[in-house]
Every structure is written in structure tokens, then in C-alpha cells.
PDB file of N, CA and C in Angstrom:
ATOM      1  N   MET A   1      10.563  35.319 141.964  1.00  0.00           N
ATOM      2  CA  MET A   1      10.778  34.517 140.620  1.00  0.00           C
ATOM      3  C   MET A   1      12.391  34.178 140.899  1.00  0.00           C
ATOM      4  N   SER A   2      12.120  32.520 140.574  1.00  0.00           N
ATOM      5  CA  SER A   2      13.202  31.746 140.623  1.00  0.00           C
ATOM      6  C   SER A   2      14.379  32.578 139.476  1.00  0.00           C
ATOM      7  N   THR A   3      14.053  32.488 138.570  1.00  0.00           N
ATOM      8  CA  THR A   3      14.976  32.518 137.104  1.00  0.00           C
ATOM      9  C   THR A   3      14.199  33.381 136.665  1.00  0.00           C
ATOM     10  N   PRO A   4      14.784  34.621 135.753  1.00  0.00           N
ATOM     11  CA  PRO A   4      13.823  35.119 134.840  1.00  0.00           C
ATOM     12  C   PRO A   4      14.719  34.235 133.056  1.00  0.00           C
ATOM     13  N   ASP A   5      13.573  34.562 132.493  1.00  0.00           N
ATOM     14  CA  ASP A   5      13.296  34.203 131.191  1.00  0.00           C
ATOM     15  C   ASP A   5      14.742  33.595 130.964  1.00  0.00           C
ATOM     16  N   LYS A   6      15.164  32.698 129.610  1.00  0.00           N
ATOM     17  CA  LYS A   6      15.648  32.269 129.426  1.00  0.00           C
ATOM     18  C   LYS A   6      17.379  33.415 129.010  1.00  0.00           C
ATOM     19  N   PRO A   7      17.978  32.964 128.971  1.00  0.00           N
ATOM     20  CA  PRO A   7      18.928  34.029 128.030  1.00  0.00           C
ATOM     21  C   PRO A   7      18.943  33.994 126.630  1.00  0.00           C
ATOM     22  N   THR A   8      19.098  34.766 125.989  1.00  0.00           N
ATOM     23  CA  THR A   8      18.511  34.693 124.491  1.00  0.00           C
ATOM     24  C   THR A   8      20.017  35.283 123.884  1.00  0.00           C
ATOM     25  N   SER A   9      20.647  36.021 124.219  1.00  0.00           N
ATOM     26  CA  SER A   9      22.036  36.755 123.609  1.00  0.00           C
ATOM     27  C   SER A   9      23.108  36.118 124.251  1.00  0.00           C
ATOM     28  N   ALA A  10      24.001  36.168 123.347  1.00  0.00           N
ATOM     29  CA  ALA A  10      25.572  35.268 124.003  1.00  0.00           C
ATOM     30  C   ALA A  10      26.244  36.313 124.460  1.00  0.00           C
ATOM     31  N   LYS A  11      25.934  37.657 124.345  1.00  0.00           N
ATOM     32  CA  LYS A  11      26.609  38.387 125.258  1.00  0.00           C
ATOM     33  C   LYS A  11      26.080  38.554 126.231  1.00  0.00           C
ATOM     34  N   VAL A  12      26.567  38.758 127.474  1.00  0.00           N
ATOM     35  CA  VAL A  12      26.663  38.748 128.431  1.00  0.00           C
ATOM     36  C   VAL A  12      26.282  40.675 129.077  1.00  0.00           C
ATOM     37  N   ASP A  13      25.590  41.260 129.537  1.00  0.00           N
ATOM     38  CA  ASP A  13      25.798  42.275 129.935  1.00  0.00           C
ATOM     39  C   ASP A  13      25.844  42.617 131.509  1.00  0.00           C
ATOM     40  N   ILE A  14      25.871  41.645 132.403  1.00  0.00           N
ATOM     41  CA  ILE A  14      25.899  41.830 133.499  1.00  0.00           C
ATOM     42  C   ILE A  14      27.383  41.371 133.641  1.00  0.00           C
ATOM     43  N   SER A  15      27.977  42.653 134.534  1.00  0.00           N
ATOM     44  CA  SER A  15      29.427  42.530 134.942  1.00  0.00           C
ATOM     45  C   SER A  15      29.615  41.492 136.129  1.00  0.00           C
ATOM     46  N   HIS A  16      28.757  41.814 137.421  1.00  0.00           N
ATOM     47  CA  HIS A  16      29.115  41.350 138.756  1.00  0.00           C
ATOM     48  C   HIS A  16      28.030  40.881 139.245  1.00  0.00           C
ATOM     49  N   TRP A  17      27.755  39.934 140.048  1.00  0.00           N
ATOM     50  CA  TRP A  17      26.993  39.333 141.020  1.00  0.00           C
ATOM     51  C   TRP A  17      27.038  39.809 142.822  1.00  0.00           C
ATOM     52  N   THR A  18      26.289  40.077 143.120  1.00  0.00           N
ATOM     53  CA  THR A  18      26.174  39.605 144.695  1.00  0.00           C
ATOM     54  C   THR A  18      25.522  38.304 145.518  1.00  0.00           C
ATOM     55  N   VAL A  19      26.529  37.852 145.980  1.00  0.00           N
ATOM     56  CA  VAL A  19      25.671  36.855 146.335  1.00  0.00           C
ATOM     57  C   VAL A  19      25.388  36.582 148.158  1.00  0.00           C
ATOM     58  N   TYR A  20      24.229  36.353 148.392  1.00  0.00           N
ATOM     59  CA  TYR A  20      23.740  36.340 149.695  1.00  0.00           C
ATOM     60  C   TYR A  20      23.626  35.065 149.950  1.00  0.00           C
ATOM     61  N   ARG A  21      24.713  34.824 151.294  1.00  0.00           N
ATOM     62  CA  ARG A  21      25.225  33.338 151.503  1.00  0.00           C
ATOM     63  C   ARG A  21      25.307  33.045 153.186  1.00  0.00           C
ATOM     64  N   SER A  22      25.120  31.701 153.614  1.00  0.00           N
ATOM     65  CA  SER A  22      25.970  31.359 154.855  1.00  0.00           C
ATOM     66  C   SER A  22      26.757  30.634 154.546  1.00  0.00           C
ATOM     67  N   LYS A  23      27.532  30.500 155.186  1.00  0.00           N
ATOM     68  CA  LYS A  23      28.855  29.388 155.395  1.00  0.00           C
ATOM     69  C   LYS A  23      28.550  28.295 155.483  1.00  0.00           C
ATOM     70  N   ILE A  24      27.821  28.013 156.493  1.00  0.00           N
ATOM     71  CA  ILE A  24      26.942  26.776 156.502  1.00  0.00           C
ATOM     72  C   ILE A  24      25.980  25.712 155.528  1.00  0.00           C
ATOM     73  N   SER A  25      25.736  26.681 154.580  1.00  0.00           N
ATOM     74  CA  SER A  25      24.644  26.429 153.883  1.00  0.00           C
ATOM     75  C   SER A  25      25.302  25.235 152.669  1.00  0.00           C
ATOM     76  N   TYR A  26      25.181  24.300 152.553  1.00  0.00           N
ATOM     77  CA  TYR A  26      25.699  23.152 151.598  1.00  0.00           C
ATOM     78  C   TYR A  26      25.318  24.274 150.095  1.00  0.00           C
ATOM     79  N   PHE A  27      23.977  24.693 150.347  1.00  0.00           N
ATOM     80  CA  PHE A  27      23.438  24.997 148.534  1.00  0.00           C
ATOM     81  C   PHE A  27      24.591  26.690 148.483  1.00  0.00           C
ATOM     82  N   SER A  28      24.669  27.321 149.721  1.00  0.00           N
ATOM     83  CA  SER A  28      25.935  28.375 149.316  1.00  0.00           C
ATOM     84  C   SER A  28      27.057  27.862 148.601  1.00  0.00           C
ATOM     85  N   GLY A  29      27.282  26.627 149.051  1.00  0.00           N
ATOM     86  CA  GLY A  29      29.402  26.107 148.744  1.00  0.00           C
ATOM     87  C   GLY A  29      29.078  25.614 147.425  1.00  0.00           C
ATOM     88  N   LYS A  30      27.959  25.368 147.255  1.00  0.00           N
ATOM     89  CA  LYS A  30      27.430  24.385 145.760  1.00  0.00           C
ATOM     90  C   LYS A  30      27.673  25.784 144.726  1.00  0.00           C
ATOM     91  N   LEU A  31      26.590  26.948 145.025  1.00  0.00           N
ATOM     92  CA  LEU A  31      26.498  27.918 144.006  1.00  0.00           C
ATOM     93  C   LEU A  31      28.392  28.712 143.971  1.00  0.00           C
ATOM     94  N   GLU A  32      28.865  29.018 145.508  1.00  0.00           N
ATOM     95  CA  GLU A  32      29.866  29.673 145.042  1.00  0.00           C
ATOM     96  C   GLU A  32      30.819  28.702 144.450  1.00  0.00           C
ATOM     97  N   ALA A  33      31.036  27.384 144.463  1.00  0.00           N
ATOM     98  CA  ALA A  33      32.128  26.557 144.022  1.00  0.00           C
ATOM     99  C   ALA A  33      31.963  26.428 142.287  1.00  0.00           C
ATOM    100  N   TYR A  34      30.662  26.406 141.929  1.00  0.00           N
ATOM    101  CA  TYR A  34      29.927  26.750 140.476  1.00  0.00           C
ATOM    102  C   TYR A  34      30.441  28.075 139.822  1.00  0.00           C
ATOM    103  N   LEU A  35      30.263  29.143 140.520  1.00  0.00           N
ATOM    104  CA  LEU A  35      30.723  30.388 139.894  1.00  0.00           C
ATOM    105  C   LEU A  35      32.326  30.582 140.341  1.00  0.00           C
ATOM    106  N   LYS A  36      33.120  30.327 141.053  1.00  0.00           N
ATOM    107  CA  LYS A  36      34.637  30.248 140.965  1.00  0.00           C
ATOM    108  C   LYS A  36      35.183  29.204 139.650  1.00  0.00           C
ATOM    109  N   TYR A  37      34.274  27.948 139.591  1.00  0.00           N
ATOM    110  CA  TYR A  37      34.542  27.335 138.463  1.00  0.00           C
ATOM    111  C   TYR A  37      34.488  27.961 137.324  1.00  0.00           C
ATOM    112  N   LYS A  38      33.315  28.452 136.755  1.00  0.00           N
ATOM    113  CA  LYS A  38      33.132  29.345 135.693  1.00  0.00           C
ATOM    114  C   LYS A  38      33.869  30.598 135.523  1.00  0.00           C
ATOM    115  N   GLU A  39      34.468  31.165 136.458  1.00  0.00           N
ATOM    116  CA  GLU A  39      34.981  32.660 136.727  1.00  0.00           C
ATOM    117  C   GLU A  39      34.397  33.636 136.381  1.00  0.00           C
ATOM    118  N   ILE A  40      32.969  33.285 137.102  1.00  0.00           N
ATOM    119  CA  ILE A  40      32.042  34.534 137.239  1.00  0.00           C
ATOM    120  C   ILE A  40      32.024  35.747 138.044  1.00  0.00           C
ATOM    121  N   PRO A  41      32.247  36.790 137.700  1.00  0.00           N
ATOM    122  CA  PRO A  41      32.832  37.685 138.472  1.00  0.00           C
ATOM    123  C   PRO A  41      31.416  37.990 139.942  1.00  0.00           C
ATOM    124  N   HIS A  42      31.945  37.846 141.180  1.00  0.00           N
ATOM    125  CA  HIS A  42      30.824  38.271 142.108  1.00  0.00           C
ATOM    126  C   HIS A  42      31.186  38.032 143.483  1.00  0.00           C
ATOM    127  N   SER A  43      30.741  38.589 144.517  1.00  0.00           N
ATOM    128  CA  SER A  43      31.293  39.112 146.037  1.00  0.00           C
ATOM    129  C   SER A  43      30.316  38.163 146.714  1.00  0.00           C
ATOM    130  N   ILE A  44      30.584  38.303 147.320  1.00  0.00           N
ATOM    131  CA  ILE A  44      29.694  37.740 148.864  1.00  0.00           C
ATOM    132  C   ILE A  44      29.336  38.240 150.073  1.00  0.00           C
ATOM    133  N   THR A  45      28.032  38.447 150.147  1.00  0.00           N
ATOM    134  CA  THR A  45      27.599  38.481 151.449  1.00  0.00           C
ATOM    135  C   THR A  45      26.902  38.010 152.252  1.00  0.00           C
ATOM    136  N   LYS A  46      26.798  38.307 153.471  1.00  0.00           N
ATOM    137  CA  LYS A  46      26.296  37.647 154.979  1.00  0.00           C
ATOM    138  C   LYS A  46      25.107  37.793 154.641  1.00  0.00           C
ATOM    139  N   ILE A  47      24.328  36.676 155.405  1.00  0.00           N
ATOM    140  CA  ILE A  47      22.864  36.651 155.531  1.00  0.00           C
ATOM    141  C   ILE A  47      22.814  36.980 157.154  1.00  0.00           C
ATOM    142  N   ASP A  48      21.618  38.479 157.303  1.00  0.00           N
ATOM    143  CA  ASP A  48      21.129  38.584 158.351  1.00  0.00           C
ATOM    144  C   ASP A  48      19.457  38.718 158.134  1.00  0.00           C
ATOM    145  N   ARG A  49      18.747  39.248 158.926  1.00  0.00           N
ATOM    146  CA  ARG A  49      17.643  39.435 158.863  1.00  0.00           C
ATOM    147  C   ARG A  49      17.380  40.261 157.904  1.00  0.00           C
ATOM    148  N   HIS A  50      17.981  41.102 157.855  1.00  0.00           N
ATOM    149  CA  HIS A  50      17.873  42.545 157.108  1.00  0.00           C
ATOM    150  C   HIS A  50      17.933  41.928 155.714  1.00  0.00           C
ATOM    151  N   VAL A  51      18.984  40.963 155.539  1.00  0.00           N
ATOM    152  CA  VAL A  51      19.182  40.754 154.043  1.00  0.00           C
ATOM    153  C   VAL A  51      18.153  39.637 153.865  1.00  0.00           C
ATOM    154  N   PHE A  52      17.240  38.954 154.580  1.00  0.00           N
ATOM    155  CA  PHE A  52      16.333  38.532 154.282  1.00  0.00           C
ATOM    156  C   PHE A  52      15.526  39.119 153.978  1.00  0.00           C
ATOM    157  N   ASN A  53      14.983  39.857 154.311  1.00  0.00           N
ATOM    158  CA  ASN A  53      14.362  40.505 154.222  1.00  0.00           C
ATOM    159  C   ASN A  53      14.306  41.466 152.969  1.00  0.00           C
ATOM    160  N   THR A  54      15.301  41.661 152.879  1.00  0.00           N
ATOM    161  CA  THR A  54      15.336  42.403 151.057  1.00  0.00           C
ATOM    162  C   THR A  54      15.279  41.386 150.192  1.00  0.00           C
ATOM    163  N   ILE A  55      16.077  39.784 150.373  1.00  0.00           N
ATOM    164  CA  ILE A  55      15.770  38.937 149.298  1.00  0.00           C
ATOM    165  C   ILE A  55      14.492  38.749 149.128  1.00  0.00           C
ATOM    166  N   TYR A  56      13.549  38.472 150.175  1.00  0.00           N
ATOM    167  CA  TYR A  56      11.809  38.786 150.290  1.00  0.00           C
ATOM    168  C   TYR A  56      11.322  39.797 149.367  1.00  0.00           C
ATOM    169  N   LYS A  57      11.349  41.047 149.699  1.00  0.00           N
ATOM    170  CA  LYS A  57      11.284  41.777 148.714  1.00  0.00           C
ATOM    171  C   LYS A  57      11.323  42.046 147.278  1.00  0.00           C
ATOM    172  N   HIS A  58      12.680  41.439 147.066  1.00  0.00           N
ATOM    173  CA  HIS A  58      12.745  41.285 145.528  1.00  0.00           C
ATOM    174  C   HIS A  58      12.205  40.192 144.603  1.00  0.00           C
ATOM    175  N   THR A  59      12.590  39.043 145.767  1.00  0.00           N
ATOM    176  CA  THR A  59      11.629  37.340 145.137  1.00  0.00           C
ATOM    177  C   THR A  59      10.456  36.781 145.544  1.00  0.00           C
ATOM    178  N   GLY A  60      10.101  37.035 146.631  1.00  0.00           N
ATOM    179  CA  GLY A  60       8.682  36.606 147.142  1.00  0.00           C
ATOM    180  C   GLY A  60       9.181  35.519 148.403  1.00  0.00           C
ATOM    181  N   VAL A  61      10.608  35.069 147.951  1.00  0.00           N
ATOM    182  CA  VAL A  61      10.640  34.079 149.421  1.00  0.00           C
ATOM    183  C   VAL A  61      11.705  34.162 150.161  1.00  0.00           C
ATOM    184  N   LYS A  62      12.204  33.862 151.273  1.00  0.00           N
ATOM    185  CA  LYS A  62      13.128  34.029 151.943  1.00  0.00           C
ATOM    186  C   LYS A  62      14.384  32.832 152.195  1.00  0.00           C
ATOM    187  N   LYS A  63      15.168  33.030 151.063  1.00  0.00           N
ATOM    188  CA  LYS A  63      15.985  31.692 150.650  1.00  0.00           C
ATOM    189  C   LYS A  63      17.220  31.743 150.279  1.00  0.00           C
ATOM    190  N   MET A  64      17.897  31.264 150.966  1.00  0.00           N
ATOM    191  CA  MET A  64      19.582  31.389 150.350  1.00  0.00           C
ATOM    192  C   MET A  64      20.211  30.331 150.165  1.00  0.00           C
ATOM    193  N   PRO A  65      21.037  30.214 149.278  1.00  0.00           N
ATOM    194  CA  PRO A  65      22.019  31.680 148.289  1.00  0.00           C
ATOM    195  C   PRO A  65      20.854  32.574 147.635  1.00  0.00           C
ATOM    196  N   ALA A  66      20.947  33.525 147.630  1.00  0.00           N
ATOM    197  CA  ALA A  66      20.371  34.571 146.331  1.00  0.00           C
ATOM    198  C   ALA A  66      21.468  35.113 146.113  1.00  0.00           C
ATOM    199  N   MET A  67      20.957  35.582 144.655  1.00  0.00           N
ATOM    200  CA  MET A  67      22.060  36.419 143.866  1.00  0.00           C
ATOM    201  C   MET A  67      21.253  37.353 143.395  1.00  0.00           C
ATOM    202  N   GLU A  68      21.726  38.289 143.048  1.00  0.00           N
ATOM    203  CA  GLU A  68      21.385  40.026 142.232  1.00  0.00           C
ATOM    204  C   GLU A  68      22.742  40.439 141.945  1.00  0.00           C
ATOM    205  N   SER A  69      22.131  40.866 140.546  1.00  0.00           N
ATOM    206  CA  SER A  69      23.024  41.163 139.546  1.00  0.00           C
ATOM    207  C   SER A  69      23.196  43.014 139.855  1.00  0.00           C
ATOM    208  N   ASP A  70      24.157  43.003 138.919  1.00  0.00           N
ATOM    209  CA  ASP A  70      24.433  44.958 139.205  1.00  0.00           C
ATOM    210  C   ASP A  70      23.359  45.250 138.284  1.00  0.00           C
ATOM    211  N   THR A  71      22.382  44.599 137.453  1.00  0.00           N
ATOM    212  CA  THR A  71      21.215  44.538 136.299  1.00  0.00           C
ATOM    213  C   THR A  71      20.094  44.995 137.094  1.00  0.00           C
ATOM    214  N   GLY A  72      19.823  44.650 138.389  1.00  0.00           N
ATOM    215  CA  GLY A  72      19.043  44.241 139.164  1.00  0.00           C
ATOM    216  C   GLY A  72      18.024  42.591 138.968  1.00  0.00           C
ATOM    217  N   THR A  73      18.707  42.053 138.438  1.00  0.00           N
ATOM    218  CA  THR A  73      18.082  40.909 138.505  1.00  0.00           C
ATOM    219  C   THR A  73      18.415  39.878 139.621  1.00  0.00           C
ATOM    220  N   TRP A  74      17.294  39.171 140.041  1.00  0.00           N
ATOM    221  CA  TRP A  74      17.728  38.371 141.345  1.00  0.00           C
ATOM    222  C   TRP A  74      17.494  37.227 141.012  1.00  0.00           C
ATOM    223  N   LEU A  75      17.932  35.776 141.554  1.00  0.00           N
ATOM    224  CA  LEU A  75      18.125  34.711 141.108  1.00  0.00           C
ATOM    225  C   LEU A  75      17.896  33.863 142.457  1.00  0.00           C
ATOM    226  N   PHE A  76      17.356  32.749 142.774  1.00  0.00           N
ATOM    227  CA  PHE A  76      17.465  31.507 143.974  1.00  0.00           C
ATOM    228  C   PHE A  76      17.295  30.431 143.228  1.00  0.00           C
ATOM    229  N   ASP A  77      17.777  29.182 144.379  1.00  0.00           N
ATOM    230  CA  ASP A  77      17.461  27.771 143.800  1.00  0.00           C
ATOM    231  C   ASP A  77      18.360  27.336 143.072  1.00  0.00           C
ATOM    232  N   THR A  78      19.406  27.048 143.610  1.00  0.00           N
ATOM    233  CA  THR A  78      21.250  26.725 143.285  1.00  0.00           C
ATOM    234  C   THR A  78      20.613  25.910 141.817  1.00  0.00           C
ATOM    235  N   THR A  79      19.904  24.978 141.769  1.00  0.00           N
ATOM    236  CA  THR A  79      20.321  24.004 140.306  1.00  0.00           C
ATOM    237  C   THR A  79      19.200  24.780 139.512  1.00  0.00           C
ATOM    238  N   GLN A  80      18.160  25.611 139.533  1.00  0.00           N
ATOM    239  CA  GLN A  80      17.659  26.343 138.417  1.00  0.00           C
ATOM    240  C   GLN A  80      18.578  27.791 137.906  1.00  0.00           C
ATOM    241  N   VAL A  81      19.313  28.092 139.487  1.00  0.00           N
ATOM    242  CA  VAL A  81      20.593  29.065 138.854  1.00  0.00           C
ATOM    243  C   VAL A  81      21.867  28.848 137.926  1.00  0.00           C
ATOM    244  N   ILE A  82      22.035  27.551 138.264  1.00  0.00           N
ATOM    245  CA  ILE A  82      23.085  27.207 137.569  1.00  0.00           C
ATOM    246  C   ILE A  82      22.850  26.876 136.199  1.00  0.00           C
ATOM    247  N   ALA A  83      22.154  26.379 135.707  1.00  0.00           N
ATOM    248  CA  ALA A  83      21.431  25.816 134.393  1.00  0.00           C
ATOM    249  C   ALA A  83      21.184  27.292 133.898  1.00  0.00           C
ATOM    250  N   TRP A  84      20.782  28.462 134.406  1.00  0.00           N
ATOM    251  CA  TRP A  84      20.024  29.521 133.884  1.00  0.00           C
ATOM    252  C   TRP A  84      21.543  29.910 133.605  1.00  0.00           C
ATOM    253  N   LEU A  85      22.728  30.119 134.532  1.00  0.00           N
ATOM    254  CA  LEU A  85      24.085  30.619 134.164  1.00  0.00           C
ATOM    255  C   LEU A  85      24.877  30.030 133.245  1.00  0.00           C
ATOM    256  N   ASP A  86      24.418  28.949 133.208  1.00  0.00           N
ATOM    257  CA  ASP A  86      25.401  27.695 132.115  1.00  0.00           C
ATOM    258  C   ASP A  86      24.535  28.598 130.689  1.00  0.00           C
ATOM    259  N   LYS A  87      23.737  28.385 130.556  1.00  0.00           N
ATOM    260  CA  LYS A  87      22.895  29.196 129.008  1.00  0.00           C
ATOM    261  C   LYS A  87      23.583  30.658 128.679  1.00  0.00           C
ATOM    262  N   LEU A  88      23.672  31.363 130.051  1.00  0.00           N
ATOM    263  CA  LEU A  88      23.993  32.456 130.055  1.00  0.00           C
ATOM    264  C   LEU A  88      25.479  33.095 129.571  1.00  0.00           C
ATOM    265  N   TYR A  89      26.075  32.232 130.271  1.00  0.00           N
ATOM    266  CA  TYR A  89      27.799  32.578 129.921  1.00  0.00           C
ATOM    267  C   TYR A  89      28.319  31.341 129.186  1.00  0.00           C
ATOM    268  N   GLY A  90      28.017  30.565 128.665  1.00  0.00           N
ATOM    269  CA  GLY A  90      28.287  29.525 127.719  1.00  0.00           C
ATOM    270  C   GLY A  90      29.752  28.561 128.149  1.00  0.00           C
ATOM    271  N   GLY A  91      30.200  28.244 127.493  1.00  0.00           N
ATOM    272  CA  GLY A  91      31.681  27.540 127.949  1.00  0.00           C
ATOM    273  C   GLY A  91      30.996  26.311 127.952  1.00  0.00           C
ATOM    274  N   VAL A  92      31.607  25.566 128.772  1.00  0.00           N
ATOM    275  CA  VAL A  92      31.707  24.087 128.835  1.00  0.00           C
ATOM    276  C   VAL A  92      30.293  24.163 129.319  1.00  0.00           C
ATOM    277  N   PRO A  93      29.013  23.154 129.596  1.00  0.00           N
ATOM    278  CA  PRO A  93      27.949  23.268 130.413  1.00  0.00           C
ATOM    279  C   PRO A  93      28.675  22.177 131.771  1.00  0.00           C
ATOM    280  N   VAL A  94      28.075  22.441 132.525  1.00  0.00           N
ATOM    281  CA  VAL A  94      28.247  21.457 134.037  1.00  0.00           C
ATOM    282  C   VAL A  94      27.398  20.461 133.614  1.00  0.00           C
ATOM    283  N   LEU A  95      26.293  20.258 132.938  1.00  0.00           N
ATOM    284  CA  LEU A  95      25.375  19.112 132.454  1.00  0.00           C
ATOM    285  C   LEU A  95      25.593  18.818 131.165  1.00  0.00           C
ATOM    286  N   PRO A  96      25.767  17.557 131.410  1.00  0.00           N
ATOM    287  CA  PRO A  96      26.127  16.757 129.763  1.00  0.00           C
ATOM    288  C   PRO A  96      24.681  17.253 128.882  1.00  0.00           C
ATOM    289  N   ASP A  97      25.191  17.188 127.805  1.00  0.00           N
ATOM    290  CA  ASP A  97      24.043  17.293 126.634  1.00  0.00           C
ATOM    291  C   ASP A  97      22.759  16.032 126.246  1.00  0.00           C
ATOM    292  N   ASP A  98      23.912  14.750 126.573  1.00  0.00           N
ATOM    293  CA  ASP A  98      22.762  13.384 126.307  1.00  0.00           C
ATOM    294  C   ASP A  98      21.526  13.758 128.031  1.00  0.00           C
ATOM    295  N   PRO A  99      20.705  13.955 126.978  1.00  0.00           N
ATOM    296  CA  PRO A  99      19.483  13.533 127.980  1.00  0.00           C
ATOM    297  C   PRO A  99      19.225  13.009 128.852  1.00  0.00           C
ATOM    298  N   ALA A 100      19.549  11.421 128.858  1.00  0.00           N
ATOM    299  CA  ALA A 100      19.737  10.271 129.905  1.00  0.00           C
ATOM    300  C   ALA A 100      20.416  10.512 130.701  1.00  0.00           C
ATOM    301  N   LEU A 101      22.021  10.925 130.372  1.00  0.00           N
ATOM    302  CA  LEU A 101      23.034  11.385 131.055  1.00  0.00           C
ATOM    303  C   LEU A 101      22.946  12.761 132.406  1.00  0.00           C
ATOM    304  N   ALA A 102      22.258  13.737 131.534  1.00  0.00           N
ATOM    305  CA  ALA A 102      21.847  14.917 132.032  1.00  0.00           C
ATOM    306  C   ALA A 102      20.766  14.279 133.313  1.00  0.00           C
ATOM    307  N   PHE A 103      19.438  13.589 132.713  1.00  0.00           N
ATOM    308  CA  PHE A 103      19.159  13.393 133.618  1.00  0.00           C
ATOM    309  C   PHE A 103      19.852  12.463 135.376  1.00  0.00           C
ATOM    310  N   THR A 104      20.226  11.866 134.686  1.00  0.00           N
ATOM    311  CA  THR A 104      20.947  10.942 135.981  1.00  0.00           C
ATOM    312  C   THR A 104      21.671  12.399 136.580  1.00  0.00           C
ATOM    313  N   THR A 105      22.472  12.904 135.887  1.00  0.00           N
ATOM    314  CA  THR A 105      23.213  13.677 136.864  1.00  0.00           C
ATOM    315  C   THR A 105      22.391  14.615 137.874  1.00  0.00           C
ATOM    316  N   LEU A 106      21.167  14.893 137.096  1.00  0.00           N
ATOM    317  CA  LEU A 106      20.239  15.594 137.886  1.00  0.00           C
ATOM    318  C   LEU A 106      19.776  14.747 138.932  1.00  0.00           C
ATOM    319  N   LEU A 107      19.413  13.796 139.012  1.00  0.00           N
ATOM    320  CA  LEU A 107      18.931  12.871 140.068  1.00  0.00           C
ATOM    321  C   LEU A 107      19.570  12.705 141.229  1.00  0.00           C
ATOM    322  N   ILE A 108      20.704  12.433 141.095  1.00  0.00           N
ATOM    323  CA  ILE A 108      22.107  12.482 141.880  1.00  0.00           C
ATOM    324  C   ILE A 108      22.575  13.860 142.475  1.00  0.00           C
ATOM    325  N   GLU A 109      22.337  14.732 142.065  1.00  0.00           N
ATOM    326  CA  GLU A 109      22.122  16.150 142.410  1.00  0.00           C
ATOM    327  C   GLU A 109      20.948  15.959 143.769  1.00  0.00           C
ATOM    328  N   ASP A 110      19.974  16.180 142.873  1.00  0.00           N
ATOM    329  CA  ASP A 110      18.637  15.588 144.055  1.00  0.00           C
ATOM    330  C   ASP A 110      18.782  15.371 145.270  1.00  0.00           C
ATOM    331  N   TYR A 111      19.243  13.921 144.854  1.00  0.00           N
ATOM    332  CA  TYR A 111      19.352  13.597 146.035  1.00  0.00           C
ATOM    333  C   TYR A 111      20.478  13.546 147.309  1.00  0.00           C
ATOM    334  N   GLY A 112      22.088  14.017 146.392  1.00  0.00           N
ATOM    335  CA  GLY A 112      22.532  14.957 147.686  1.00  0.00           C
ATOM    336  C   GLY A 112      21.804  16.094 148.336  1.00  0.00           C
ATOM    337  N   ASP A 113      21.141  17.055 147.213  1.00  0.00           N
ATOM    338  CA  ASP A 113      20.072  18.372 148.034  1.00  0.00           C
ATOM    339  C   ASP A 113      19.354  17.691 148.945  1.00  0.00           C
ATOM    340  N   GLU A 114      18.351  16.324 149.289  1.00  0.00           N
ATOM    341  CA  GLU A 114      17.959  15.999 150.175  1.00  0.00           C
ATOM    342  C   GLU A 114      18.634  15.400 151.277  1.00  0.00           C
TER     343      GLU A 114
END
């Protein structure tokens, strides 16, 4: 499961995230930059084959970066993770409210990801 149901409460009951990543992954860098920008508490764990197996056990895929909350929630796929965390933590969103601008932003992001 990439992202759990949309957060419905303004209250955040997750106090810490563990990010499983590789330094050479641009996706890991994107996620880490977002977490720092939003000041979301997290720690970094480097990927190895055992970590990949753990990620697979909880998400059904061997992808990184992946995140695990202190409440047992697992996330992967940086674009969806960032959207989910924006809803959960609030504040100034990284995507514009205007649908056309949001679409353009995601299109440029997708181009950069590929």
C-alpha cells in the first residue's frame, strides 16, 4: 500500500518517521528535502538487502525511499507521500491550490522524475 487513507484529523499522532533511503537516489533527496522544509521529525536509515526485505514485507514492493512511522504506517512513492504528508501536517502546501497550476507543477515534477 503506497499511502494510507487520506488523513482526516488536523491532529498529528505520528511523532517520528524513519526514512529508508540511499544517498544516490534522487527520489530520496527529494523526500529528505521536503521533510526538512516542513520540519517533520525523521531519522535516516541506509538501505541494504535486509531493509529491502523489511520494506517488501510491509508494502509489497522493494522500493526506496520508504517511510515508517512510529505508529506502524508505511509509505512509498515520493509524489504520493508528499501529498499525503501535506494533508496530514498542514501548513503551506507544496502544490498550488489552483488546479491548473497544480497540474503543471506535477507535470514538471513527473518530467524531472523520468
